[in-house]
Amino acid sequence: MVLSHLIADVHWTPVFVMSLLSFALGYAWHQPYLFGDLWKRENFPGGMPEKINKPLVFGGTALFHFMANAGLSAIVSGEGALYGFSVGFLASLFWILPAMGGTYLFANRSLKLLAVDTGLYIFLFSVSGCILGIW
């Protein structure tokens, strides 16, 4: 596998679109009607902090989602919906979950919070892989 070939396989428009859609999904995921109340309770037991560096949080998240979608696009573009879904799902299940799980264990964070946070990425990258696979 040659890096220049992988980069050439990235379809940039769908990567940009999926990166934007990831914000919509993240917004919905963290609303009270889904997992927002649980996420806030488990993440900030003393209440939400008053000051959050929103440009850093949202800008950093946008960059990281763009990078992840570009990598996923390099692997699945043109391979079909099922292949893209499978790669996105398996990458999330076998890389993101264990990486975050280890971090959460060392930080003594709850398994509920791990389920909410990794659940988002498993869902997001499964859907992204499906769409990037057919685009």
C-alpha atoms as a PDB file:
ATOM      1  CA  MET A   1       0.000   0.000   0.000  1.00  0.00           C
ATOM      2  CA  VAL A   2       1.532   3.253  -1.168  1.00  0.00           C
ATOM      3  CA  LEU A   3       0.579   6.476   0.613  1.00  0.00           C
ATOM      4  CA  SER A   4       0.441   8.503  -2.616  1.00  0.00           C
ATOM      5  CA  HIS A   5      -2.030   5.977  -4.071  1.00  0.00           C
ATOM      6  CA  LEU A   6      -4.227   6.211  -0.981  1.00  0.00           C
ATOM      7  CA  ILE A   7      -4.253  10.012  -1.102  1.00  0.00           C
ATOM      8  CA  ALA A   8      -5.126   9.882  -4.803  1.00  0.00           C
ATOM      9  CA  ASP A   9      -8.140   7.692  -3.934  1.00  0.00           C
ATOM     10  CA  VAL A  10      -9.658  10.272  -1.569  1.00  0.00           C
ATOM     11  CA  HIS A  11     -12.812  11.874  -2.924  1.00  0.00           C
ATOM     12  CA  TRP A  12     -12.601  15.301  -1.318  1.00  0.00           C
ATOM     13  CA  THR A  13     -16.152  16.567  -1.885  1.00  0.00           C
ATOM     14  CA  PRO A  14     -17.823  13.671  -0.046  1.00  0.00           C
ATOM     15  CA  VAL A  15     -15.185  13.932   2.699  1.00  0.00           C
ATOM     16  CA  PHE A  16     -16.129  17.578   3.194  1.00  0.00           C
ATOM     17  CA  VAL A  17     -19.860  16.771   3.110  1.00  0.00           C
ATOM     18  CA  MET A  18     -19.500  13.900   5.597  1.00  0.00           C
ATOM     19  CA  SER A  19     -17.391  16.085   7.875  1.00  0.00           C
ATOM     20  CA  LEU A  20     -20.199  18.652   7.942  1.00  0.00           C
ATOM     21  CA  LEU A  21     -22.813  15.963   8.506  1.00  0.00           C
ATOM     22  CA  SER A  22     -20.774  14.629  11.414  1.00  0.00           C
ATOM     23  CA  PHE A  23     -21.460  17.913  13.215  1.00  0.00           C
ATOM     24  CA  ALA A  24     -25.184  17.497  12.677  1.00  0.00           C
ATOM     25  CA  LEU A  25     -25.023  13.948  13.986  1.00  0.00           C
ATOM     26  CA  GLY A  26     -22.889  14.986  16.969  1.00  0.00           C
ATOM     27  CA  TYR A  27     -25.300  17.807  17.736  1.00  0.00           C
ATOM     28  CA  ALA A  28     -28.286  15.453  17.673  1.00  0.00           C
ATOM     29  CA  TRP A  29     -26.419  12.761  19.639  1.00  0.00           C
ATOM     30  CA  HIS A  30     -25.720  15.187  22.479  1.00  0.00           C
ATOM     31  CA  GLN A  31     -29.275  16.544  22.772  1.00  0.00           C
ATOM     32  CA  PRO A  32     -31.465  15.595  25.750  1.00  0.00           C
ATOM     33  CA  TYR A  33     -33.759  13.495  23.533  1.00  0.00           C
ATOM     34  CA  LEU A  34     -30.832  11.139  22.798  1.00  0.00           C
ATOM     35  CA  PHE A  35     -27.764  11.008  25.057  1.00  0.00           C
ATOM     36  CA  GLY A  36     -27.146  14.650  26.033  1.00  0.00           C
ATOM     37  CA  ASP A  37     -28.329  14.488  29.629  1.00  0.00           C
ATOM     38  CA  LEU A  38     -26.410  11.271  30.317  1.00  0.00           C
ATOM     39  CA  TRP A  39     -23.306  12.658  28.613  1.00  0.00           C
ATOM     40  CA  LYS A  40     -23.381  15.881  30.656  1.00  0.00           C
ATOM     41  CA  ARG A  41     -24.047  14.043  33.921  1.00  0.00           C
ATOM     42  CA  GLU A  42     -21.222  11.534  33.359  1.00  0.00           C
ATOM     43  CA  ASN A  43     -18.748  14.022  31.895  1.00  0.00           C
ATOM     44  CA  PHE A  44     -19.342  16.970  34.215  1.00  0.00           C
ATOM     45  CA  PRO A  45     -20.722  15.756  37.564  1.00  0.00           C
ATOM     46  CA  GLY A  46     -20.273  19.228  39.039  1.00  0.00           C
ATOM     47  CA  GLY A  47     -22.027  20.947  36.141  1.00  0.00           C
ATOM     48  CA  MET A  48     -20.822  22.249  32.807  1.00  0.00           C
ATOM     49  CA  PRO A  49     -17.745  24.485  32.955  1.00  0.00           C
ATOM     50  CA  GLU A  50     -18.477  28.151  32.484  1.00  0.00           C
ATOM     51  CA  LYS A  51     -15.741  28.772  29.947  1.00  0.00           C
ATOM     52  CA  ILE A  52     -15.186  26.517  26.963  1.00  0.00           C
ATOM     53  CA  ASN A  53     -12.819  27.487  24.173  1.00  0.00           C
ATOM     54  CA  LYS A  54     -15.428  26.990  21.436  1.00  0.00           C
ATOM     55  CA  PRO A  55     -13.151  27.869  18.486  1.00  0.00           C
ATOM     56  CA  LEU A  56     -10.636  25.280  19.665  1.00  0.00           C
ATOM     57  CA  VAL A  57     -13.265  22.625  20.425  1.00  0.00           C
ATOM     58  CA  PHE A  58     -15.242  23.037  17.199  1.00  0.00           C
ATOM     59  CA  GLY A  59     -12.249  23.784  14.983  1.00  0.00           C
ATOM     60  CA  GLY A  60     -10.296  20.848  16.371  1.00  0.00           C
ATOM     61  CA  THR A  61     -13.279  18.547  16.035  1.00  0.00           C
ATOM     62  CA  ALA A  62     -13.797  19.661  12.427  1.00  0.00           C
ATOM     63  CA  LEU A  63     -10.149  18.986  11.599  1.00  0.00           C
ATOM     64  CA  PHE A  64     -10.156  15.557  13.266  1.00  0.00           C
ATOM     65  CA  HIS A  65     -13.413  14.511  11.586  1.00  0.00           C
ATOM     66  CA  PHE A  66     -12.087  15.700   8.236  1.00  0.00           C
ATOM     67  CA  MET A  67      -8.907  13.674   8.738  1.00  0.00           C
ATOM     68  CA  ALA A  68     -10.850  10.563   9.747  1.00  0.00           C
ATOM     69  CA  ASN A  69     -13.235  10.870   6.804  1.00  0.00           C
ATOM     70  CA  ALA A  70     -10.334  11.409   4.396  1.00  0.00           C
ATOM     71  CA  GLY A  71      -8.669   8.245   5.672  1.00  0.00           C
ATOM     72  CA  LEU A  72     -11.912   6.315   5.401  1.00  0.00           C
ATOM     73  CA  SER A  73     -12.482   7.659   1.878  1.00  0.00           C
ATOM     74  CA  ALA A  74      -9.007   6.545   0.801  1.00  0.00           C
ATOM     75  CA  ILE A  75      -9.896   2.989   1.778  1.00  0.00           C
ATOM     76  CA  VAL A  76     -13.553   2.650   0.742  1.00  0.00           C
ATOM     77  CA  SER A  77     -14.296   5.077  -2.126  1.00  0.00           C
ATOM     78  CA  GLY A  78     -15.955   3.283  -4.997  1.00  0.00           C
ATOM     79  CA  GLU A  79     -16.053  -0.053  -3.195  1.00  0.00           C
ATOM     80  CA  GLY A  80     -19.784  -0.003  -2.455  1.00  0.00           C
ATOM     81  CA  ALA A  81     -22.066   0.728   0.473  1.00  0.00           C
ATOM     82  CA  LEU A  82     -21.708  -2.602   2.284  1.00  0.00           C
ATOM     83  CA  TYR A  83     -17.924  -2.571   2.072  1.00  0.00           C
ATOM     84  CA  GLY A  84     -17.777   1.042   3.283  1.00  0.00           C
ATOM     85  CA  PHE A  85     -20.189   0.333   6.119  1.00  0.00           C
ATOM     86  CA  SER A  86     -18.204  -2.745   7.164  1.00  0.00           C
ATOM     87  CA  VAL A  87     -14.860  -0.929   7.165  1.00  0.00           C
ATOM     88  CA  GLY A  88     -16.277   2.051   9.085  1.00  0.00           C
ATOM     89  CA  PHE A  89     -17.960  -0.230  11.617  1.00  0.00           C
ATOM     90  CA  LEU A  90     -14.986  -2.526  12.127  1.00  0.00           C
ATOM     91  CA  ALA A  91     -12.459   0.314  12.328  1.00  0.00           C
ATOM     92  CA  SER A  92     -14.593   1.957  15.020  1.00  0.00           C
ATOM     93  CA  LEU A  93     -15.163  -1.272  16.903  1.00  0.00           C
ATOM     94  CA  PHE A  94     -11.572  -2.505  16.824  1.00  0.00           C
ATOM     95  CA  TRP A  95      -9.581   0.761  16.897  1.00  0.00           C
ATOM     96  CA  ILE A  96     -11.645   3.604  18.331  1.00  0.00           C
ATOM     97  CA  LEU A  97     -13.385   1.627  21.085  1.00  0.00           C
ATOM     98  CA  PRO A  98     -10.177   0.036  22.453  1.00  0.00           C
ATOM     99  CA  ALA A  99      -8.217   3.312  22.227  1.00  0.00           C
ATOM    100  CA  MET A 100     -10.894   5.313  23.996  1.00  0.00           C
ATOM    101  CA  GLY A 101     -11.577   2.437  26.396  1.00  0.00           C
ATOM    102  CA  GLY A 102      -7.993   2.366  27.603  1.00  0.00           C
ATOM    103  CA  THR A 103      -7.976   6.132  28.035  1.00  0.00           C
ATOM    104  CA  TYR A 104     -11.278   6.047  29.920  1.00  0.00           C
ATOM    105  CA  LEU A 105     -10.055   3.280  32.228  1.00  0.00           C
ATOM    106  CA  PHE A 106      -6.921   5.239  33.158  1.00  0.00           C
ATOM    107  CA  ALA A 107      -8.974   8.410  33.643  1.00  0.00           C
ATOM    108  CA  ASN A 108     -11.493   6.501  35.791  1.00  0.00           C
ATOM    109  CA  ARG A 109     -14.346   7.578  33.535  1.00  0.00           C
ATOM    110  CA  SER A 110     -17.597   5.649  33.497  1.00  0.00           C
ATOM    111  CA  LEU A 111     -18.488   2.854  31.126  1.00  0.00           C
ATOM    112  CA  LYS A 112     -21.748   4.729  30.413  1.00  0.00           C
ATOM    113  CA  LEU A 113     -19.737   7.659  29.085  1.00  0.00           C
ATOM    114  CA  LEU A 114     -17.553   5.300  27.056  1.00  0.00           C
ATOM    115  CA  ALA A 115     -20.689   3.754  25.537  1.00  0.00           C
ATOM    116  CA  VAL A 116     -22.115   7.169  24.598  1.00  0.00           C
ATOM    117  CA  ASP A 117     -18.859   8.501  23.152  1.00  0.00           C
ATOM    118  CA  THR A 118     -17.797   5.392  21.256  1.00  0.00           C
ATOM    119  CA  GLY A 119     -21.378   4.735  20.180  1.00  0.00           C
ATOM    120  CA  LEU A 120     -21.307   8.050  18.354  1.00  0.00           C
ATOM    121  CA  TYR A 121     -18.155   7.111  16.460  1.00  0.00           C
ATOM    122  CA  ILE A 122     -19.296   3.592  15.670  1.00  0.00           C
ATOM    123  CA  PHE A 123     -22.516   4.990  14.214  1.00  0.00           C
ATOM    124  CA  LEU A 124     -20.797   7.945  12.515  1.00  0.00           C
ATOM    125  CA  PHE A 125     -18.044   5.973  10.794  1.00  0.00           C
ATOM    126  CA  SER A 126     -20.393   3.172   9.790  1.00  0.00           C
ATOM    127  CA  VAL A 127     -22.689   5.662   8.062  1.00  0.00           C
ATOM    128  CA  SER A 128     -19.759   7.659   6.671  1.00  0.00           C
ATOM    129  CA  GLY A 129     -18.143   4.508   5.317  1.00  0.00           C
ATOM    130  CA  CYS A 130     -21.406   3.487   3.666  1.00  0.00           C
ATOM    131  CA  ILE A 131     -21.816   6.867   1.965  1.00  0.00           C
ATOM    132  CA  LEU A 132     -18.142   7.269   1.057  1.00  0.00           C
ATOM    133  CA  GLY A 133     -18.151   3.738  -0.355  1.00  0.00           C
ATOM    134  CA  ILE A 134     -20.823   4.582  -2.909  1.00  0.00           C
ATOM    135  CA  TRP A 135     -19.752   8.154  -3.707  1.00  0.00           C
END
